[in-house]
Amino acid sequence: MKIIDIHRKTTVDNLYALLQEKLNPQFQQQRQSDISFNIENAGTFVEINQPALYEGYLFRIEIQETKLLITRYADYIDDVNALTIESILNELFEELAGDIGITFVLEG
């Protein structure tokens, strides 16, 4: 699990909207691929998956106050698509934090 502090409160709905708008276009541009990922708002967390390519989710993101708790599906940690998504997520988390920036609380 990776925990990132964005130093401001947000909601699952805000995170979901940001990911819906930007994740797939950025992924497709970076990987020069037409793969699209499903982004699901499960109420208490957002999940990113692609059932045609992966069993289970790739990422699950929960929000606790100002912290984002990111769980990666263990089988896909070294997968190039998952690594690309993780890189994009880090950029989008910076955007979500704004001027304040982010702090990595836990990486592992």
PDB file of N, CA and C in Angstrom:
ATOM      1  N   MET A   1       0.852  -1.187   0.000  1.00  0.00           N
ATOM      2  CA  MET A   1       0.000   0.000   0.000  1.00  0.00           C
ATOM      3  C   MET A   1       0.889   1.240   0.000  1.00  0.00           C
ATOM      4  N   LYS A   2       0.415   2.232  -0.698  1.00  0.00           N
ATOM      5  CA  LYS A   2       1.081   3.527  -0.708  1.00  0.00           C
ATOM      6  C   LYS A   2       0.095   4.532  -0.117  1.00  0.00           C
ATOM      7  N   ILE A   3       0.591   5.384   0.762  1.00  0.00           N
ATOM      8  CA  ILE A   3      -0.242   6.436   1.347  1.00  0.00           C
ATOM      9  C   ILE A   3       0.367   7.777   0.973  1.00  0.00           C
ATOM     10  N   ILE A   4      -0.473   8.627   0.398  1.00  0.00           N
ATOM     11  CA  ILE A   4      -0.057   9.964  -0.021  1.00  0.00           C
ATOM     12  C   ILE A   4      -0.931  10.979   0.697  1.00  0.00           C
ATOM     13  N   ASP A   5      -0.289  11.978   1.270  1.00  0.00           N
ATOM     14  CA  ASP A   5      -1.029  13.075   1.899  1.00  0.00           C
ATOM     15  C   ASP A   5      -1.074  14.234   0.906  1.00  0.00           C
ATOM     16  N   ILE A   6      -2.296  14.609   0.507  1.00  0.00           N
ATOM     17  CA  ILE A   6      -2.443  15.731  -0.429  1.00  0.00           C
ATOM     18  C   ILE A   6      -2.694  17.048   0.317  1.00  0.00           C
ATOM     19  N   HIS A   7      -2.707  16.983   1.633  1.00  0.00           N
ATOM     20  CA  HIS A   7      -2.786  18.168   2.505  1.00  0.00           C
ATOM     21  C   HIS A   7      -4.049  18.997   2.318  1.00  0.00           C
ATOM     22  N   ARG A   8      -5.077  18.385   1.768  1.00  0.00           N
ATOM     23  CA  ARG A   8      -6.386  19.032   1.698  1.00  0.00           C
ATOM     24  C   ARG A   8      -7.425  17.932   1.583  1.00  0.00           C
ATOM     25  N   LYS A   9      -8.585  18.229   2.095  1.00  0.00           N
ATOM     26  CA  LYS A   9      -9.658  17.239   2.028  1.00  0.00           C
ATOM     27  C   LYS A   9     -10.234  17.183   0.626  1.00  0.00           C
ATOM     28  N   THR A  10     -10.578  15.991   0.221  1.00  0.00           N
ATOM     29  CA  THR A  10     -11.257  15.786  -1.039  1.00  0.00           C
ATOM     30  C   THR A  10     -12.276  14.672  -0.838  1.00  0.00           C
ATOM     31  N   THR A  11     -13.005  14.370  -1.865  1.00  0.00           N
ATOM     32  CA  THR A  11     -14.020  13.320  -1.753  1.00  0.00           C
ATOM     33  C   THR A  11     -13.774  12.268  -2.831  1.00  0.00           C
ATOM     34  N   VAL A  12     -14.385  11.119  -2.649  1.00  0.00           N
ATOM     35  CA  VAL A  12     -14.321  10.071  -3.656  1.00  0.00           C
ATOM     36  C   VAL A  12     -14.894  10.595  -4.974  1.00  0.00           C
ATOM     37  N   ASP A  13     -15.964  11.387  -4.884  1.00  0.00           N
ATOM     38  CA  ASP A  13     -16.571  11.940  -6.105  1.00  0.00           C
ATOM     39  C   ASP A  13     -15.608  12.857  -6.854  1.00  0.00           C
ATOM     40  N   ASN A  14     -14.870  13.703  -6.138  1.00  0.00           N
ATOM     41  CA  ASN A  14     -13.892  14.594  -6.782  1.00  0.00           C
ATOM     42  C   ASN A  14     -12.772  13.798  -7.437  1.00  0.00           C
ATOM     43  N   LEU A  15     -12.266  12.804  -6.720  1.00  0.00           N
ATOM     44  CA  LEU A  15     -11.208  11.961  -7.258  1.00  0.00           C
ATOM     45  C   LEU A  15     -11.700  11.212  -8.494  1.00  0.00           C
ATOM     46  N   TYR A  16     -12.882  10.652  -8.400  1.00  0.00           N
ATOM     47  CA  TYR A  16     -13.482   9.918  -9.512  1.00  0.00           C
ATOM     48  C   TYR A  16     -13.620  10.821 -10.746  1.00  0.00           C
ATOM     49  N   ALA A  17     -14.118  12.027 -10.560  1.00  0.00           N
ATOM     50  CA  ALA A  17     -14.299  12.956 -11.684  1.00  0.00           C
ATOM     51  C   ALA A  17     -12.959  13.284 -12.344  1.00  0.00           C
ATOM     52  N   LEU A  18     -11.936  13.517 -11.550  1.00  0.00           N
ATOM     53  CA  LEU A  18     -10.613  13.820 -12.089  1.00  0.00           C
ATOM     54  C   LEU A  18     -10.068  12.640 -12.897  1.00  0.00           C
ATOM     55  N   LEU A  19     -10.188  11.444 -12.347  1.00  0.00           N
ATOM     56  CA  LEU A  19      -9.696  10.255 -13.041  1.00  0.00           C
ATOM     57  C   LEU A  19     -10.493   9.986 -14.315  1.00  0.00           C
ATOM     58  N   GLN A  20     -11.807  10.158 -14.240  1.00  0.00           N
ATOM     59  CA  GLN A  20     -12.657   9.958 -15.424  1.00  0.00           C
ATOM     60  C   GLN A  20     -12.241  10.888 -16.559  1.00  0.00           C
ATOM     61  N   GLU A  21     -11.914  12.107 -16.202  1.00  0.00           N
ATOM     62  CA  GLU A  21     -11.573  13.104 -17.216  1.00  0.00           C
ATOM     63  C   GLU A  21     -10.181  12.894 -17.806  1.00  0.00           C
ATOM     64  N   LYS A  22      -9.208  12.492 -16.977  1.00  0.00           N
ATOM     65  CA  LYS A  22      -7.821  12.588 -17.423  1.00  0.00           C
ATOM     66  C   LYS A  22      -7.034  11.288 -17.533  1.00  0.00           C
ATOM     67  N   LEU A  23      -7.409  10.245 -16.804  1.00  0.00           N
ATOM     68  CA  LEU A  23      -6.565   9.046 -16.776  1.00  0.00           C
ATOM     69  C   LEU A  23      -6.427   8.377 -18.144  1.00  0.00           C
ATOM     70  N   ASN A  24      -7.523   8.028 -18.769  1.00  0.00           N
ATOM     71  CA  ASN A  24      -7.443   7.324 -20.049  1.00  0.00           C
ATOM     72  C   ASN A  24      -6.788   8.151 -21.158  1.00  0.00           C
ATOM     73  N   PRO A  25      -7.138   9.429 -21.336  1.00  0.00           N
ATOM     74  CA  PRO A  25      -6.453  10.204 -22.387  1.00  0.00           C
ATOM     75  C   PRO A  25      -4.938  10.287 -22.172  1.00  0.00           C
ATOM     76  N   GLN A  26      -4.522  10.478 -20.917  1.00  0.00           N
ATOM     77  CA  GLN A  26      -3.083  10.558 -20.654  1.00  0.00           C
ATOM     78  C   GLN A  26      -2.408   9.210 -20.880  1.00  0.00           C
ATOM     79  N   PHE A  27      -3.081   8.140 -20.454  1.00  0.00           N
ATOM     80  CA  PHE A  27      -2.522   6.803 -20.676  1.00  0.00           C
ATOM     81  C   PHE A  27      -2.372   6.535 -22.175  1.00  0.00           C
ATOM     82  N   GLN A  28      -3.399   6.812 -22.939  1.00  0.00           N
ATOM     83  CA  GLN A  28      -3.369   6.537 -24.372  1.00  0.00           C
ATOM     84  C   GLN A  28      -2.297   7.363 -25.074  1.00  0.00           C
ATOM     85  N   GLN A  29      -2.093   8.578 -24.617  1.00  0.00           N
ATOM     86  CA  GLN A  29      -1.053   9.418 -25.207  1.00  0.00           C
ATOM     87  C   GLN A  29       0.336   8.885 -24.852  1.00  0.00           C
ATOM     88  N   GLN A  30       0.563   8.556 -23.588  1.00  0.00           N
ATOM     89  CA  GLN A  30       1.886   8.092 -23.163  1.00  0.00           C
ATOM     90  C   GLN A  30       2.256   6.748 -23.757  1.00  0.00           C
ATOM     91  N   ARG A  31       1.305   5.824 -23.815  1.00  0.00           N
ATOM     92  CA  ARG A  31       1.592   4.468 -24.293  1.00  0.00           C
ATOM     93  C   ARG A  31       1.305   4.298 -25.781  1.00  0.00           C
ATOM     94  N   GLN A  32       0.763   5.338 -26.425  1.00  0.00           N
ATOM     95  CA  GLN A  32       0.391   5.227 -27.840  1.00  0.00           C
ATOM     96  C   GLN A  32      -0.442   3.960 -28.049  1.00  0.00           C
ATOM     97  N   SER A  33      -1.487   3.852 -27.237  1.00  0.00           N
ATOM     98  CA  SER A  33      -2.330   2.663 -27.198  1.00  0.00           C
ATOM     99  C   SER A  33      -3.788   3.077 -27.122  1.00  0.00           C
ATOM    100  N   ASP A  34      -4.671   2.204 -27.561  1.00  0.00           N
ATOM    101  CA  ASP A  34      -6.095   2.509 -27.462  1.00  0.00           C
ATOM    102  C   ASP A  34      -6.749   1.805 -26.273  1.00  0.00           C
ATOM    103  N   ILE A  35      -5.948   1.267 -25.366  1.00  0.00           N
ATOM    104  CA  ILE A  35      -6.483   0.621 -24.161  1.00  0.00           C
ATOM    105  C   ILE A  35      -7.158   1.675 -23.285  1.00  0.00           C
ATOM    106  N   SER A  36      -8.347   1.347 -22.816  1.00  0.00           N
ATOM    107  CA  SER A  36      -9.055   2.203 -21.859  1.00  0.00           C
ATOM    108  C   SER A  36      -9.297   1.404 -20.582  1.00  0.00           C
ATOM    109  N   PHE A  37      -9.222   2.078 -19.478  1.00  0.00           N
ATOM    110  CA  PHE A  37      -9.437   1.450 -18.188  1.00  0.00           C
ATOM    111  C   PHE A  37     -10.779   1.886 -17.613  1.00  0.00           C
ATOM    112  N   ASN A  38     -11.407   0.988 -16.906  1.00  0.00           N
ATOM    113  CA  ASN A  38     -12.648   1.302 -16.209  1.00  0.00           C
ATOM    114  C   ASN A  38     -12.292   1.989 -14.901  1.00  0.00           C
ATOM    115  N   ILE A  39     -12.980   3.060 -14.629  1.00  0.00           N
ATOM    116  CA  ILE A  39     -12.814   3.786 -13.374  1.00  0.00           C
ATOM    117  C   ILE A  39     -14.164   3.741 -12.692  1.00  0.00           C
ATOM    118  N   GLU A  40     -14.200   3.104 -11.534  1.00  0.00           N
ATOM    119  CA  GLU A  40     -15.468   2.886 -10.852  1.00  0.00           C
ATOM    120  C   GLU A  40     -15.493   3.603  -9.509  1.00  0.00           C
ATOM    121  N   ASN A  41     -16.581   4.301  -9.264  1.00  0.00           N
ATOM    122  CA  ASN A  41     -16.816   4.945  -7.978  1.00  0.00           C
ATOM    123  C   ASN A  41     -17.635   3.969  -7.151  1.00  0.00           C
ATOM    124  N   ALA A  42     -17.003   3.372  -6.146  1.00  0.00           N
ATOM    125  CA  ALA A  42     -17.672   2.377  -5.314  1.00  0.00           C
ATOM    126  C   ALA A  42     -18.217   2.999  -4.025  1.00  0.00           C
ATOM    127  N   GLY A  43     -18.281   4.304  -3.974  1.00  0.00           N
ATOM    128  CA  GLY A  43     -18.843   4.984  -2.803  1.00  0.00           C
ATOM    129  C   GLY A  43     -17.800   5.357  -1.773  1.00  0.00           C
ATOM    130  N   THR A  44     -17.023   4.378  -1.327  1.00  0.00           N
ATOM    131  CA  THR A  44     -15.985   4.650  -0.338  1.00  0.00           C
ATOM    132  C   THR A  44     -14.581   4.579  -0.936  1.00  0.00           C
ATOM    133  N   PHE A  45     -14.491   4.181  -2.185  1.00  0.00           N
ATOM    134  CA  PHE A  45     -13.198   4.121  -2.874  1.00  0.00           C
ATOM    135  C   PHE A  45     -13.424   4.177  -4.376  1.00  0.00           C
ATOM    136  N   VAL A  46     -12.334   4.448  -5.093  1.00  0.00           N
ATOM    137  CA  VAL A  46     -12.330   4.424  -6.549  1.00  0.00           C
ATOM    138  C   VAL A  46     -11.454   3.252  -6.971  1.00  0.00           C
ATOM    139  N   GLU A  47     -11.919   2.510  -7.959  1.00  0.00           N
ATOM    140  CA  GLU A  47     -11.172   1.357  -8.423  1.00  0.00           C
ATOM    141  C   GLU A  47     -10.901   1.493  -9.916  1.00  0.00           C
ATOM    142  N   ILE A  48      -9.682   1.108 -10.312  1.00  0.00           N
ATOM    143  CA  ILE A  48      -9.278   1.142 -11.719  1.00  0.00           C
ATOM    144  C   ILE A  48      -9.037  -0.302 -12.154  1.00  0.00           C
ATOM    145  N   ASN A  49      -9.719  -0.703 -13.230  1.00  0.00           N
ATOM    146  CA  ASN A  49      -9.557  -2.065 -13.714  1.00  0.00           C
ATOM    147  C   ASN A  49      -9.704  -2.116 -15.222  1.00  0.00           C
ATOM    148  N   GLN A  50      -9.398  -3.280 -15.774  1.00  0.00           N
ATOM    149  CA  GLN A  50      -9.563  -3.543 -17.204  1.00  0.00           C
ATOM    150  C   GLN A  50      -9.788  -5.050 -17.321  1.00  0.00           C
ATOM    151  N   PRO A  51     -11.060  -5.490 -17.175  1.00  0.00           N
ATOM    152  CA  PRO A  51     -11.371  -6.924 -17.113  1.00  0.00           C
ATOM    153  C   PRO A  51     -10.921  -7.739 -18.320  1.00  0.00           C
ATOM    154  N   ALA A  52     -10.805  -7.126 -19.487  1.00  0.00           N
ATOM    155  CA  ALA A  52     -10.370  -7.869 -20.669  1.00  0.00           C
ATOM    156  C   ALA A  52      -8.887  -8.247 -20.590  1.00  0.00           C
ATOM    157  N   LEU A  53      -8.119  -7.481 -19.800  1.00  0.00           N
ATOM    158  CA  LEU A  53      -6.676  -7.730 -19.705  1.00  0.00           C
ATOM    159  C   LEU A  53      -6.218  -8.234 -18.346  1.00  0.00           C
ATOM    160  N   TYR A  54      -6.952  -7.876 -17.292  1.00  0.00           N
ATOM    161  CA  TYR A  54      -6.486  -8.164 -15.940  1.00  0.00           C
ATOM    162  C   TYR A  54      -7.607  -8.746 -15.082  1.00  0.00           C
ATOM    163  N   GLU A  55      -7.237  -9.709 -14.286  1.00  0.00           N
ATOM    164  CA  GLU A  55      -8.177 -10.271 -13.318  1.00  0.00           C
ATOM    165  C   GLU A  55      -8.136  -9.391 -12.068  1.00  0.00           C
ATOM    166  N   GLY A  56      -9.271  -8.926 -11.638  1.00  0.00           N
ATOM    167  CA  GLY A  56      -9.311  -8.049 -10.462  1.00  0.00           C
ATOM    168  C   GLY A  56      -8.969  -6.616 -10.833  1.00  0.00           C
ATOM    169  N   TYR A  57      -8.778  -5.815  -9.829  1.00  0.00           N
ATOM    170  CA  TYR A  57      -8.472  -4.399 -10.046  1.00  0.00           C
ATOM    171  C   TYR A  57      -6.971  -4.195 -10.178  1.00  0.00           C
ATOM    172  N   LEU A  58      -6.583  -3.088 -10.792  1.00  0.00           N
ATOM    173  CA  LEU A  58      -5.175  -2.688 -10.825  1.00  0.00           C
ATOM    174  C   LEU A  58      -4.859  -1.788  -9.635  1.00  0.00           C
ATOM    175  N   PHE A  59      -5.759  -0.824  -9.369  1.00  0.00           N
ATOM    176  CA  PHE A  59      -5.574   0.100  -8.254  1.00  0.00           C
ATOM    177  C   PHE A  59      -6.908   0.337  -7.554  1.00  0.00           C
ATOM    178  N   ARG A  60      -6.838   0.456  -6.245  1.00  0.00           N
ATOM    179  CA  ARG A  60      -7.986   0.869  -5.436  1.00  0.00           C
ATOM    180  C   ARG A  60      -7.505   2.039  -4.583  1.00  0.00           C
ATOM    181  N   ILE A  61      -8.265   3.125  -4.623  1.00  0.00           N
ATOM    182  CA  ILE A  61      -7.865   4.336  -3.904  1.00  0.00           C
ATOM    183  C   ILE A  61      -8.966   4.722  -2.924  1.00  0.00           C
ATOM    184  N   GLU A  62      -8.607   4.749  -1.642  1.00  0.00           N
ATOM    185  CA  GLU A  62      -9.524   5.167  -0.584  1.00  0.00           C
ATOM    186  C   GLU A  62      -9.066   6.527  -0.072  1.00  0.00           C
ATOM    187  N   ILE A  63      -9.991   7.267   0.498  1.00  0.00           N
ATOM    188  CA  ILE A  63      -9.661   8.582   1.045  1.00  0.00           C
ATOM    189  C   ILE A  63      -9.938   8.583   2.540  1.00  0.00           C
ATOM    190  N   GLN A  64      -8.941   9.022   3.310  1.00  0.00           N
ATOM    191  CA  GLN A  64      -9.100   9.230   4.753  1.00  0.00           C
ATOM    192  C   GLN A  64      -8.591  10.631   5.068  1.00  0.00           C
ATOM    193  N   GLU A  65      -9.545  11.514   5.311  1.00  0.00           N
ATOM    194  CA  GLU A  65      -9.209  12.928   5.568  1.00  0.00           C
ATOM    195  C   GLU A  65      -8.432  13.498   4.381  1.00  0.00           C
ATOM    196  N   THR A  66      -7.134  13.780   4.577  1.00  0.00           N
ATOM    197  CA  THR A  66      -6.321  14.355   3.506  1.00  0.00           C
ATOM    198  C   THR A  66      -5.420  13.313   2.841  1.00  0.00           C
ATOM    199  N   LYS A  67      -5.560  12.073   3.251  1.00  0.00           N
ATOM    200  CA  LYS A  67      -4.682  11.012   2.751  1.00  0.00           C
ATOM    201  C   LYS A  67      -5.384  10.125   1.725  1.00  0.00           C
ATOM    202  N   LEU A  68      -4.615   9.723   0.721  1.00  0.00           N
ATOM    203  CA  LEU A  68      -5.075   8.769  -0.275  1.00  0.00           C
ATOM    204  C   LEU A  68      -4.367   7.453   0.010  1.00  0.00           C
ATOM    205  N   LEU A  69      -5.139   6.397   0.198  1.00  0.00           N
ATOM    206  CA  LEU A  69      -4.606   5.070   0.453  1.00  0.00           C
ATOM    207  C   LEU A  69      -4.720   4.278  -0.845  1.00  0.00           C
ATOM    208  N   ILE A  70      -3.584   3.995  -1.459  1.00  0.00           N
ATOM    209  CA  ILE A  70      -3.568   3.369  -2.775  1.00  0.00           C
ATOM    210  C   ILE A  70      -3.100   1.922  -2.640  1.00  0.00           C
ATOM    211  N   THR A  71      -3.959   1.012  -3.041  1.00  0.00           N
ATOM    212  CA  THR A  71      -3.626  -0.406  -3.034  1.00  0.00           C
ATOM    213  C   THR A  71      -3.438  -0.855  -4.473  1.00  0.00           C
ATOM    214  N   ARG A  72      -2.318  -1.508  -4.734  1.00  0.00           N
ATOM    215  CA  ARG A  72      -2.026  -2.057  -6.054  1.00  0.00           C
ATOM    216  C   ARG A  72      -2.239  -3.564  -6.005  1.00  0.00           C
ATOM    217  N   TYR A  73      -2.839  -4.111  -7.022  1.00  0.00           N
ATOM    218  CA  TYR A  73      -3.001  -5.558  -7.115  1.00  0.00           C
ATOM    219  C   TYR A  73      -1.608  -6.160  -7.291  1.00  0.00           C
ATOM    220  N   ALA A  74      -1.208  -7.017  -6.381  1.00  0.00           N
ATOM    221  CA  ALA A  74       0.166  -7.525  -6.304  1.00  0.00           C
ATOM    222  C   ALA A  74       0.657  -8.188  -7.584  1.00  0.00           C
ATOM    223  N   ASP A  75      -0.207  -8.861  -8.321  1.00  0.00           N
ATOM    224  CA  ASP A  75       0.230  -9.585  -9.517  1.00  0.00           C
ATOM    225  C   ASP A  75       0.678  -8.671 -10.649  1.00  0.00           C
ATOM    226  N   TYR A  76       0.329  -7.390 -10.580  1.00  0.00           N
ATOM    227  CA  TYR A  76       0.597  -6.496 -11.715  1.00  0.00           C
ATOM    228  C   TYR A  76       1.560  -5.362 -11.386  1.00  0.00           C
ATOM    229  N   ILE A  77       2.321  -5.489 -10.316  1.00  0.00           N
ATOM    230  CA  ILE A  77       3.211  -4.408  -9.888  1.00  0.00           C
ATOM    231  C   ILE A  77       4.238  -4.062 -10.966  1.00  0.00           C
ATOM    232  N   ASP A  78       4.762  -5.055 -11.675  1.00  0.00           N
ATOM    233  CA  ASP A  78       5.790  -4.807 -12.688  1.00  0.00           C
ATOM    234  C   ASP A  78       5.242  -4.705 -14.107  1.00  0.00           C
ATOM    235  N   ASP A  79       3.936  -4.727 -14.257  1.00  0.00           N
ATOM    236  CA  ASP A  79       3.306  -4.636 -15.568  1.00  0.00           C
ATOM    237  C   ASP A  79       3.469  -3.216 -16.119  1.00  0.00           C
ATOM    238  N   VAL A  80       3.851  -3.098 -17.387  1.00  0.00           N
ATOM    239  CA  VAL A  80       4.122  -1.784 -17.977  1.00  0.00           C
ATOM    240  C   VAL A  80       2.886  -0.880 -17.966  1.00  0.00           C
ATOM    241  N   ASN A  81       1.704  -1.433 -18.194  1.00  0.00           N
ATOM    242  CA  ASN A  81       0.491  -0.615 -18.145  1.00  0.00           C
ATOM    243  C   ASN A  81       0.227  -0.109 -16.729  1.00  0.00           C
ATOM    244  N   ALA A  82       0.413  -0.986 -15.748  1.00  0.00           N
ATOM    245  CA  ALA A  82       0.203  -0.585 -14.352  1.00  0.00           C
ATOM    246  C   ALA A  82       1.213   0.470 -13.924  1.00  0.00           C
ATOM    247  N   LEU A  83       2.459   0.330 -14.380  1.00  0.00           N
ATOM    248  CA  LEU A  83       3.481   1.334 -14.047  1.00  0.00           C
ATOM    249  C   LEU A  83       3.153   2.684 -14.682  1.00  0.00           C
ATOM    250  N   THR A  84       2.651   2.644 -15.909  1.00  0.00           N
ATOM    251  CA  THR A  84       2.250   3.883 -16.583  1.00  0.00           C
ATOM    252  C   THR A  84       1.093   4.532 -15.833  1.00  0.00           C
ATOM    253  N   ILE A  85       0.102   3.740 -15.442  1.00  0.00           N
ATOM    254  CA  ILE A  85      -1.028   4.291 -14.687  1.00  0.00           C
ATOM    255  C   ILE A  85      -0.552   4.888 -13.376  1.00  0.00           C
ATOM    256  N   GLU A  86       0.354   4.196 -12.688  1.00  0.00           N
ATOM    257  CA  GLU A  86       0.851   4.720 -11.417  1.00  0.00           C
ATOM    258  C   GLU A  86       1.545   6.070 -11.600  1.00  0.00           C
ATOM    259  N   SER A  87       2.310   6.202 -12.652  1.00  0.00           N
ATOM    260  CA  SER A  87       2.977   7.467 -12.940  1.00  0.00           C
ATOM    261  C   SER A  87       1.957   8.579 -13.193  1.00  0.00           C
ATOM    262  N   ILE A  88       0.929   8.276 -13.961  1.00  0.00           N
ATOM    263  CA  ILE A  88      -0.123   9.253 -14.243  1.00  0.00           C
ATOM    264  C   ILE A  88      -0.876   9.602 -12.969  1.00  0.00           C
ATOM    265  N   LEU A  89      -1.171   8.598 -12.145  1.00  0.00           N
ATOM    266  CA  LEU A  89      -1.859   8.860 -10.878  1.00  0.00           C
ATOM    267  C   LEU A  89      -1.058   9.828 -10.020  1.00  0.00           C
ATOM    268  N   ASN A  90       0.251   9.630  -9.947  1.00  0.00           N
ATOM    269  CA  ASN A  90       1.078  10.538  -9.148  1.00  0.00           C
ATOM    270  C   ASN A  90       0.967  11.975  -9.649  1.00  0.00           C
ATOM    271  N   GLU A  91       0.938  12.154 -10.965  1.00  0.00           N
ATOM    272  CA  GLU A  91       0.771  13.495 -11.533  1.00  0.00           C
ATOM    273  C   GLU A  91      -0.610  14.067 -11.191  1.00  0.00           C
ATOM    274  N   LEU A  92      -1.629  13.235 -11.278  1.00  0.00           N
ATOM    275  CA  LEU A  92      -2.989  13.699 -10.982  1.00  0.00           C
ATOM    276  C   LEU A  92      -3.164  13.994  -9.493  1.00  0.00           C
ATOM    277  N   PHE A  93      -2.481  13.249  -8.634  1.00  0.00           N
ATOM    278  CA  PHE A  93      -2.542  13.543  -7.204  1.00  0.00           C
ATOM    279  C   PHE A  93      -1.897  14.897  -6.913  1.00  0.00           C
ATOM    280  N   GLU A  94      -0.818  15.208  -7.628  1.00  0.00           N
ATOM    281  CA  GLU A  94      -0.187  16.527  -7.502  1.00  0.00           C
ATOM    282  C   GLU A  94      -1.179  17.616  -7.908  1.00  0.00           C
ATOM    283  N   GLU A  95      -1.894  17.359  -8.985  1.00  0.00           N
ATOM    284  CA  GLU A  95      -2.903  18.317  -9.454  1.00  0.00           C
ATOM    285  C   GLU A  95      -4.010  18.488  -8.416  1.00  0.00           C
ATOM    286  N   LEU A  96      -4.432  17.401  -7.820  1.00  0.00           N
ATOM    287  CA  LEU A  96      -5.475  17.432  -6.794  1.00  0.00           C
ATOM    288  C   LEU A  96      -5.013  18.235  -5.574  1.00  0.00           C
ATOM    289  N   ALA A  97      -3.733  18.123  -5.250  1.00  0.00           N
ATOM    290  CA  ALA A  97      -3.181  18.832  -4.090  1.00  0.00           C
ATOM    291  C   ALA A  97      -3.011  20.323  -4.358  1.00  0.00           C
ATOM    292  N   GLY A  98      -2.803  20.691  -5.610  1.00  0.00           N
ATOM    293  CA  GLY A  98      -2.602  22.103  -5.935  1.00  0.00           C
ATOM    294  C   GLY A  98      -1.261  22.610  -5.466  1.00  0.00           C
ATOM    295  N   ASP A  99      -1.237  23.871  -5.020  1.00  0.00           N
ATOM    296  CA  ASP A  99       0.003  24.535  -4.607  1.00  0.00           C
ATOM    297  C   ASP A  99       0.661  23.872  -3.412  1.00  0.00           C
ATOM    298  N   ILE A 100      -0.104  23.175  -2.631  1.00  0.00           N
ATOM    299  CA  ILE A 100       0.399  22.596  -1.382  1.00  0.00           C
ATOM    300  C   ILE A 100       1.385  21.465  -1.655  1.00  0.00           C
ATOM    301  N   GLY A 101       1.157  20.703  -2.700  1.00  0.00           N
ATOM    302  CA  GLY A 101       2.006  19.557  -3.008  1.00  0.00           C
ATOM    303  C   GLY A 101       1.597  18.337  -2.207  1.00  0.00           C
ATOM    304  N   ILE A 102       2.283  17.242  -2.466  1.00  0.00           N
ATOM    305  CA  ILE A 102       1.957  15.993  -1.786  1.00  0.00           C
ATOM    306  C   ILE A 102       3.139  15.514  -0.953  1.00  0.00           C
ATOM    307  N   THR A 103       2.844  14.637   0.000  1.00  0.00           N
ATOM    308  CA  THR A 103       3.854  14.003   0.810  1.00  0.00           C
ATOM    309  C   THR A 103       3.611  12.503   0.773  1.00  0.00           C
ATOM    310  N   PHE A 104       4.662  11.732   0.498  1.00  0.00           N
ATOM    311  CA  PHE A 104       4.531  10.291   0.580  1.00  0.00           C
ATOM    312  C   PHE A 104       4.648   9.898   2.049  1.00  0.00           C
ATOM    313  N   VAL A 105       3.590   9.330   2.596  1.00  0.00           N
ATOM    314  CA  VAL A 105       3.575   8.940   3.996  1.00  0.00           C
ATOM    315  C   VAL A 105       4.119   7.516   4.133  1.00  0.00           C
ATOM    316  N   LEU A 106       3.741   6.658   3.193  1.00  0.00           N
ATOM    317  CA  LEU A 106       4.168   5.260   3.247  1.00  0.00           C
ATOM    318  C   LEU A 106       4.252   4.739   1.830  1.00  0.00           C
ATOM    319  N   GLU A 107       5.319   4.048   1.545  1.00  0.00           N
ATOM    320  CA  GLU A 107       5.480   3.403   0.237  1.00  0.00           C
ATOM    321  C   GLU A 107       5.913   1.984   0.510  1.00  0.00           C
ATOM    322  N   GLY A 108       5.126   1.055   0.032  1.00  0.00           N
ATOM    323  CA  GLY A 108       5.538  -0.332   0.278  1.00  0.00           C
ATOM    324  C   GLY A 108       4.486  -1.313  -0.092  1.00  0.00           C
TER     325      GLY A 108
END
